[in-house]
Amino acid sequence: MKITKKTVLYLGILAIIGVTSCVPARKYEDLLERRQNCEDQNNQLRIENEELLTESTELFRQRDNLEERVEQLRRDTTEIGRINRRLETNYDRLLETYENLLDQNQKLMDGQEIEATRILRRLKETQEDLQRREDELRRATAQMEEKERNLNNLIRELGTKEERVEELESILARQDSVVRELRRKVSTALLGFEGQGLTVEIKNGKVYVSLEESLLFATGSTQVDSRGVRALRELAKVLEANPEINVLIEGHTDDVPFRPGSAIKDNWDLSVLRATAIVRILLQNAQLDPQRLTAAGRGEYMPIDPAKTPEARKKNRRTEIILTPQLDDLFQIIEIN
């Protein structure tokens, strides 16, 4: 079939267009079970927090890798564009040669059979070379389009990863802000009691209100004295004004055992009874949802100071009220992803 100049130009235009597209015993057991559940939840929250930090680090690493891949794809695209331009130049030269050969062939049709045969052979070779170059151009175009698709996919994936990292960072920052503000409110409410056996501090993203035994109870007693009740009333007001905060009350004792025949069986019993006594005072002095409160006894098994001295035992006889912001938004993101 005779290939006209118009046909060749049309094919070239198509190629260029292709290149640019891209209590009681039972109650006591229940309390123990609730304490264990609280510990499990606490441990789960700690594990999930660590996993979240690990995942955030991994997301940053993935984002860096994706950026490197995007840069490599850009370099590849530039190289393919350079190759395409070279191929197009060669194609134009071959097209010009092909047209010249057509002209020569037309002039030799009158009898110069040997020369015509030679020219036809050259024409065929040129056609084959032209076809080969066209095939290379199509392959290069297809590779460039594939690179562009990969580049777009990577850019979208990178954007999704960055959005998720930013969302997680925003929630963590909001949680940190809530914890700092809660500590300020609690410290302000209990200002008159700090330095008298009460401390307020932030640990592990939570607010810890630690009250020494002397501020709340007589030795071996589960009855909160009047000064302790005043402190708990002030704390209850803060908790009522911040309904998004969950409350864990932990009783702690020293390692001195109870005498046989005592109404209180052991330090486990004492720590739990003291925790439930504080829960009742909080509920009596504020409109609090009981589901927010958890009473737990640690007994003698989480001492601040393990020494067997009177000073160490005094430190260990304490009650810790642990205030934790609800993390529903954070958990929803983890579940969705």
Protein backbone atom coordinates (compact mmCIF):
# COMPACT_ATOMS: atom_id res chain seq x y z
CA MET A 1 0.00 0.00 0.00
CA LYS A 2 1.36 3.45 -0.87
CA ILE A 3 1.97 5.61 2.18
CA THR A 4 1.38 9.26 1.34
CA LYS A 5 2.96 12.22 3.07
CA LYS A 6 -0.42 13.12 4.53
CA THR A 7 -0.79 9.63 6.04
CA VAL A 8 2.67 9.76 7.63
CA LEU A 9 2.01 13.21 9.07
CA TYR A 10 -1.32 11.97 10.48
CA LEU A 11 0.46 9.04 12.15
CA GLY A 12 3.06 11.41 13.57
CA ILE A 13 0.34 13.67 15.04
CA LEU A 14 -1.35 10.64 16.65
CA ALA A 15 2.01 9.57 18.13
CA ILE A 16 2.60 13.05 19.56
CA ILE A 17 -0.92 13.13 21.04
CA GLY A 18 -0.28 9.69 22.63
CA VAL A 19 2.96 10.94 24.19
CA THR A 20 1.31 13.90 25.99
CA SER A 21 -1.69 12.02 28.03
CA CYS A 22 -1.82 10.76 32.82
CA VAL A 23 -17.63 -5.78 99.75
CA PRO A 24 -19.43 -8.85 100.94
CA ALA A 25 -17.59 -11.86 99.67
CA ARG A 26 -19.41 -11.65 96.40
CA LYS A 27 -19.08 -7.91 96.27
CA TYR A 28 -15.44 -8.16 97.25
CA GLU A 29 -14.86 -10.62 94.42
CA ASP A 30 -16.68 -8.25 92.06
CA LEU A 31 -14.46 -5.42 93.22
CA LEU A 32 -11.39 -7.53 92.62
CA GLU A 33 -12.67 -8.41 89.20
CA ARG A 34 -13.34 -4.73 88.46
CA ARG A 35 -9.85 -3.90 89.64
CA GLN A 36 -8.41 -6.51 87.33
CA ASN A 37 -10.52 -5.19 84.44
CA CYS A 38 -9.26 -1.70 85.22
CA GLU A 39 -5.68 -2.94 85.16
CA ASP A 40 -6.33 -4.74 81.89
CA GLN A 41 -7.87 -1.60 80.40
CA ASN A 42 -4.97 0.46 81.71
CA ASN A 43 -2.46 -1.95 80.17
CA GLN A 44 -4.46 -2.02 76.93
CA LEU A 45 -4.47 1.76 76.77
CA ARG A 46 -0.72 1.81 77.40
CA ILE A 47 -0.14 -0.79 74.67
CA GLU A 48 -2.42 1.03 72.25
CA ASN A 49 -0.64 4.32 73.00
CA GLU A 50 2.73 2.66 72.27
CA GLU A 51 1.33 1.12 69.10
CA LEU A 52 0.01 4.50 68.08
CA LEU A 53 3.43 6.10 68.56
CA THR A 54 5.04 3.22 66.62
CA GLU A 55 2.47 3.55 63.86
CA SER A 56 3.02 7.34 63.72
CA THR A 57 6.79 6.75 63.33
CA GLU A 58 6.14 4.14 60.62
CA LEU A 59 3.82 6.52 58.80
CA PHE A 60 6.52 9.19 58.79
CA ARG A 61 9.00 6.62 57.42
CA GLN A 62 6.52 5.54 54.73
CA ARG A 63 5.91 9.16 53.80
CA ASP A 64 9.68 9.72 53.36
CA ASN A 65 9.93 6.57 51.20
CA LEU A 66 7.00 7.70 49.08
CA GLU A 67 8.57 11.11 48.59
CA GLU A 68 11.78 9.43 47.42
CA ARG A 69 9.82 7.26 45.00
CA VAL A 70 7.94 10.33 43.70
CA GLU A 71 11.25 12.10 43.06
CA GLN A 72 12.61 9.02 41.24
CA LEU A 73 9.48 8.86 39.08
CA ARG A 74 9.91 12.52 38.21
CA ARG A 75 13.49 11.85 37.12
CA ASP A 76 12.35 8.82 35.10
CA THR A 77 9.62 10.89 33.43
CA THR A 78 12.17 13.56 32.46
CA GLU A 79 14.47 10.90 30.96
CA ILE A 80 11.63 9.29 29.01
CA GLY A 81 10.64 12.73 27.70
CA ARG A 82 14.22 13.27 26.49
CA ILE A 83 14.19 9.85 24.76
CA ASN A 84 10.83 10.65 23.15
CA ARG A 85 12.16 13.91 21.76
CA ARG A 86 15.20 12.11 20.29
CA LEU A 87 12.95 9.45 18.77
CA GLU A 88 10.70 12.11 17.28
CA THR A 89 13.71 13.84 15.71
CA ASN A 90 14.89 10.53 14.24
CA TYR A 91 11.38 9.81 13.05
CA ASP A 92 11.21 13.14 11.22
CA ARG A 93 14.54 12.46 9.54
CA LEU A 94 13.44 8.99 8.45
CA LEU A 95 10.18 10.42 7.19
CA GLU A 96 12.07 12.93 5.08
CA THR A 97 14.33 10.15 3.72
CA TYR A 98 11.29 8.02 3.00
CA GLU A 99 9.66 10.81 1.02
CA ASN A 100 12.84 11.40 -0.97
CA LEU A 101 13.03 7.71 -1.80
CA LEU A 102 9.44 7.79 -2.96
CA ASP A 103 10.31 10.61 -5.33
CA GLN A 104 13.33 8.76 -6.66
CA ASN A 105 11.31 5.59 -7.10
CA GLN A 106 8.74 7.45 -9.13
CA LYS A 107 11.47 8.79 -11.49
CA LEU A 108 13.01 5.33 -12.00
CA MET A 109 9.78 3.57 -12.87
CA ASP A 110 10.41 4.05 -16.65
CA GLY A 111 13.10 1.45 -17.22
CA GLN A 112 15.80 1.72 -14.67
CA GLU A 113 14.88 -1.64 -13.19
CA ILE A 114 18.22 -2.30 -11.47
CA GLU A 115 18.29 1.12 -9.88
CA ALA A 116 14.62 0.80 -9.08
CA THR A 117 15.24 -2.55 -7.39
CA ARG A 118 18.01 -1.02 -5.30
CA ILE A 119 15.87 1.92 -4.39
CA LEU A 120 12.95 -0.37 -3.53
CA ARG A 121 15.23 -2.39 -1.32
CA ARG A 122 16.37 0.79 0.41
CA LEU A 123 12.76 1.87 0.62
CA LYS A 124 11.78 -1.41 2.26
CA GLU A 125 14.67 -1.18 4.69
CA THR A 126 13.69 2.37 5.49
CA GLN A 127 10.08 1.33 6.03
CA GLU A 128 11.18 -1.46 8.36
CA ASP A 129 13.45 0.93 10.25
CA LEU A 130 10.64 3.45 10.42
CA GLN A 131 8.27 0.80 11.75
CA ARG A 132 10.88 -0.23 14.31
CA ARG A 133 11.25 3.37 15.44
CA GLU A 134 7.49 3.75 15.65
CA ASP A 135 7.32 0.64 17.82
CA GLU A 136 10.02 2.05 20.09
CA LEU A 137 8.15 5.33 20.28
CA ARG A 138 4.90 3.56 21.24
CA ARG A 139 6.71 1.53 23.91
CA ALA A 140 8.39 4.65 25.29
CA THR A 141 5.03 6.44 25.31
CA ALA A 142 3.39 3.51 27.12
CA GLN A 143 6.21 3.47 29.69
CA MET A 144 5.86 7.18 30.29
CA GLU A 145 2.09 6.85 30.74
CA GLU A 146 2.63 3.99 33.20
CA LYS A 147 5.19 6.09 35.10
CA GLU A 148 2.72 8.97 35.23
CA ARG A 149 -0.03 6.68 36.55
CA ASN A 150 2.33 5.35 39.22
CA LEU A 151 3.36 8.89 40.09
CA ASN A 152 -0.26 9.96 40.50
CA ASN A 153 -1.04 6.89 42.61
CA LEU A 154 1.96 7.54 44.85
CA ILE A 155 1.03 11.20 45.24
CA ARG A 156 -2.52 10.22 46.26
CA GLU A 157 -1.19 7.58 48.69
CA LEU A 158 1.26 10.09 50.14
CA GLY A 159 -1.55 12.61 50.61
CA THR A 160 -3.68 10.00 52.41
CA LYS A 161 -0.81 9.04 54.72
CA GLU A 162 -0.06 12.67 55.52
CA GLU A 163 -3.72 13.37 56.29
CA ARG A 164 -3.85 10.41 58.68
CA VAL A 165 -0.61 11.46 60.41
CA GLU A 166 -1.91 15.01 60.78
CA GLU A 167 -5.21 13.72 62.19
CA LEU A 168 -3.43 11.53 64.73
CA GLU A 169 -1.10 14.36 65.71
CA SER A 170 -4.07 16.69 66.11
CA ILE A 171 -5.89 14.24 68.41
CA LEU A 172 -2.75 13.61 70.48
CA ALA A 173 -2.14 17.36 70.79
CA ARG A 174 -5.77 17.88 71.80
CA GLN A 175 -5.47 15.12 74.40
CA ASP A 176 -2.29 16.68 75.78
CA SER A 177 -3.98 20.08 75.95
CA VAL A 178 -6.98 18.57 77.77
CA VAL A 179 -4.69 16.86 80.30
CA ARG A 180 -2.72 20.06 80.99
CA GLU A 181 -5.91 22.10 81.42
CA LEU A 182 -7.37 19.41 83.70
CA ARG A 183 -4.25 19.48 85.86
CA ARG A 184 -4.52 23.27 86.13
CA LYS A 185 -8.18 23.07 87.17
CA VAL A 186 -7.49 20.34 89.74
CA SER A 187 -4.47 22.18 91.15
CA THR A 188 -6.52 25.38 91.43
CA ALA A 189 -9.40 23.59 93.15
CA LEU A 190 -7.08 21.81 95.62
CA LEU A 191 -4.64 24.69 96.10
CA GLY A 192 -5.25 24.84 99.85
CA PHE A 193 -4.32 21.18 100.26
CA GLU A 194 -1.08 20.97 98.26
CA GLY A 195 1.87 20.64 100.59
CA GLN A 196 -0.38 18.98 103.17
CA GLY A 197 -0.14 15.46 101.80
CA LEU A 198 -1.59 16.12 98.33
CA THR A 199 0.20 16.32 94.98
CA VAL A 200 -1.10 16.78 91.43
CA GLU A 201 1.03 15.72 88.45
CA ILE A 202 0.84 14.45 84.86
CA LYS A 203 2.13 10.96 84.04
CA ASN A 204 1.59 8.90 80.87
CA GLY A 205 -0.99 11.33 79.49
CA LYS A 206 -3.10 11.25 82.69
CA VAL A 207 -3.54 13.47 85.74
CA TYR A 208 -2.57 11.79 89.03
CA VAL A 209 -3.98 13.22 92.27
CA SER A 210 -2.06 11.54 95.11
CA LEU A 211 -3.33 11.91 98.68
CA GLU A 212 -1.35 10.66 101.65
CA GLU A 213 -3.11 8.60 104.31
CA SER A 214 -2.80 11.46 106.81
CA LEU A 215 -5.00 13.68 104.63
CA LEU A 216 -7.85 11.17 104.40
CA PHE A 217 -7.78 8.37 106.97
CA ALA A 218 -6.68 7.48 110.42
CA THR A 219 -4.29 4.50 110.55
CA GLY A 220 -6.15 1.29 109.68
CA SER A 221 -9.44 3.16 109.14
CA THR A 222 -11.71 3.35 106.11
CA GLN A 223 -13.56 6.45 107.37
CA VAL A 224 -12.53 9.68 105.54
CA ASP A 225 -11.93 12.53 108.02
CA SER A 226 -13.42 16.02 107.62
CA ARG A 227 -10.34 17.57 106.02
CA GLY A 228 -10.23 14.80 103.42
CA VAL A 229 -13.95 15.22 102.71
CA ARG A 230 -13.37 18.92 101.98
CA ALA A 231 -10.62 18.09 99.50
CA LEU A 232 -12.78 15.45 97.80
CA ARG A 233 -15.71 17.88 97.52
CA GLU A 234 -13.52 20.35 95.64
CA LEU A 235 -12.30 17.60 93.36
CA ALA A 236 -15.89 16.43 92.74
CA LYS A 237 -16.80 19.92 91.49
CA VAL A 238 -14.02 19.74 88.89
CA LEU A 239 -15.12 16.25 87.80
CA GLU A 240 -18.73 17.38 87.49
CA ALA A 241 -17.65 20.24 85.21
CA ASN A 242 -15.59 17.88 83.01
CA PRO A 243 -17.87 14.95 82.11
CA GLU A 244 -15.44 13.64 79.45
CA ILE A 245 -12.97 12.55 82.16
CA ASN A 246 -12.93 8.98 83.54
CA VAL A 247 -11.86 8.46 87.15
CA LEU A 248 -9.93 5.57 88.71
CA ILE A 249 -9.52 5.55 92.49
CA GLU A 250 -6.67 3.31 93.67
CA GLY A 251 -6.09 2.50 97.33
CA HIS A 252 -2.50 1.70 98.44
CA THR A 253 -1.22 0.44 101.80
CA ASP A 254 2.10 -0.37 103.45
CA ASP A 255 3.28 -3.96 104.03
CA VAL A 256 2.37 -4.17 107.73
CA PRO A 257 -0.10 -7.10 108.11
CA PHE A 258 -3.36 -6.89 110.09
CA ARG A 259 -3.73 -8.77 113.37
CA PRO A 260 -5.84 -11.96 113.18
CA GLY A 261 -9.46 -11.34 114.14
CA SER A 262 -9.54 -7.78 112.81
CA ALA A 263 -12.71 -6.63 111.02
CA ILE A 264 -10.51 -5.85 108.03
CA LYS A 265 -8.96 -9.05 106.72
CA ASP A 266 -5.78 -7.75 105.10
CA ASN A 267 -4.21 -4.90 103.14
CA TRP A 268 -6.10 -5.87 100.01
CA ASP A 269 -9.34 -5.43 101.93
CA LEU A 270 -8.22 -2.10 103.40
CA SER A 271 -7.13 -0.62 100.04
CA VAL A 272 -10.40 -1.56 98.32
CA LEU A 273 -12.60 -0.30 101.16
CA ARG A 274 -10.78 3.02 101.18
CA ALA A 275 -11.22 3.37 97.41
CA THR A 276 -14.97 2.67 97.62
CA ALA A 277 -15.31 5.13 100.52
CA ILE A 278 -13.85 7.86 98.31
CA VAL A 279 -16.13 6.89 95.42
CA ARG A 280 -19.17 7.34 97.67
CA ILE A 281 -18.03 10.80 98.78
CA LEU A 282 -17.49 11.92 95.17
CA LEU A 283 -20.94 10.67 94.15
CA GLN A 284 -22.59 12.30 97.18
CA ASN A 285 -21.09 15.72 96.46
CA ALA A 286 -21.53 16.08 92.69
CA GLN A 287 -23.74 14.97 89.81
CA LEU A 288 -21.41 12.30 88.42
CA ASP A 289 -22.23 9.35 86.18
CA PRO A 290 -21.21 6.30 88.25
CA GLN A 291 -20.01 4.63 85.04
CA ARG A 292 -17.14 7.13 84.95
CA LEU A 293 -15.81 5.96 88.33
CA THR A 294 -13.80 2.83 89.09
CA ALA A 295 -12.66 1.77 92.58
CA ALA A 296 -9.60 -0.45 92.86
CA GLY A 297 -7.30 -1.71 95.61
CA ARG A 298 -3.58 -2.25 95.08
CA GLY A 299 -2.83 -3.34 98.62
CA GLU A 300 0.88 -3.19 99.43
CA TYR A 301 2.05 -4.30 95.99
CA MET A 302 2.78 -0.98 94.25
CA PRO A 303 4.95 0.86 96.78
CA ILE A 304 6.56 4.22 96.05
CA ASP A 305 9.47 3.31 98.33
CA PRO A 306 10.22 -0.42 98.94
CA ALA A 307 12.34 0.26 102.06
CA LYS A 308 11.17 -1.19 105.37
CA THR A 309 11.42 2.12 107.25
CA PRO A 310 8.62 4.18 108.85
CA GLU A 311 9.24 6.98 106.34
CA ALA A 312 8.93 4.62 103.37
CA ARG A 313 5.78 3.01 104.74
CA LYS A 314 4.24 6.46 105.25
CA LYS A 315 4.82 7.28 101.57
CA ASN A 316 3.24 4.01 100.49
CA ARG A 317 0.04 4.57 102.51
CA ARG A 318 -1.80 6.71 99.97
CA THR A 319 -4.76 7.01 97.63
CA GLU A 320 -4.27 7.86 93.96
CA ILE A 321 -7.10 9.35 91.91
CA ILE A 322 -6.22 8.92 88.23
CA LEU A 323 -8.05 11.14 85.73
CA THR A 324 -8.07 9.97 82.12
CA PRO A 325 -9.56 11.84 79.11
CA GLN A 326 -11.82 9.73 76.93
CA LEU A 327 -10.05 8.62 73.74
CA ASP A 328 -13.07 7.69 71.59
CA ASP A 329 -11.90 9.75 68.56
CA LEU A 330 -8.47 8.16 68.67
CA PHE A 331 -9.88 4.64 68.94
CA GLN A 332 -12.25 5.29 66.01
CA ILE A 333 -9.34 6.29 63.77
CA ILE A 334 -7.41 3.17 64.79
CA GLU A 335 -10.43 0.93 64.08
CA ILE A 336 -11.17 2.56 60.70
CA ASN A 337 -7.58 2.23 59.51
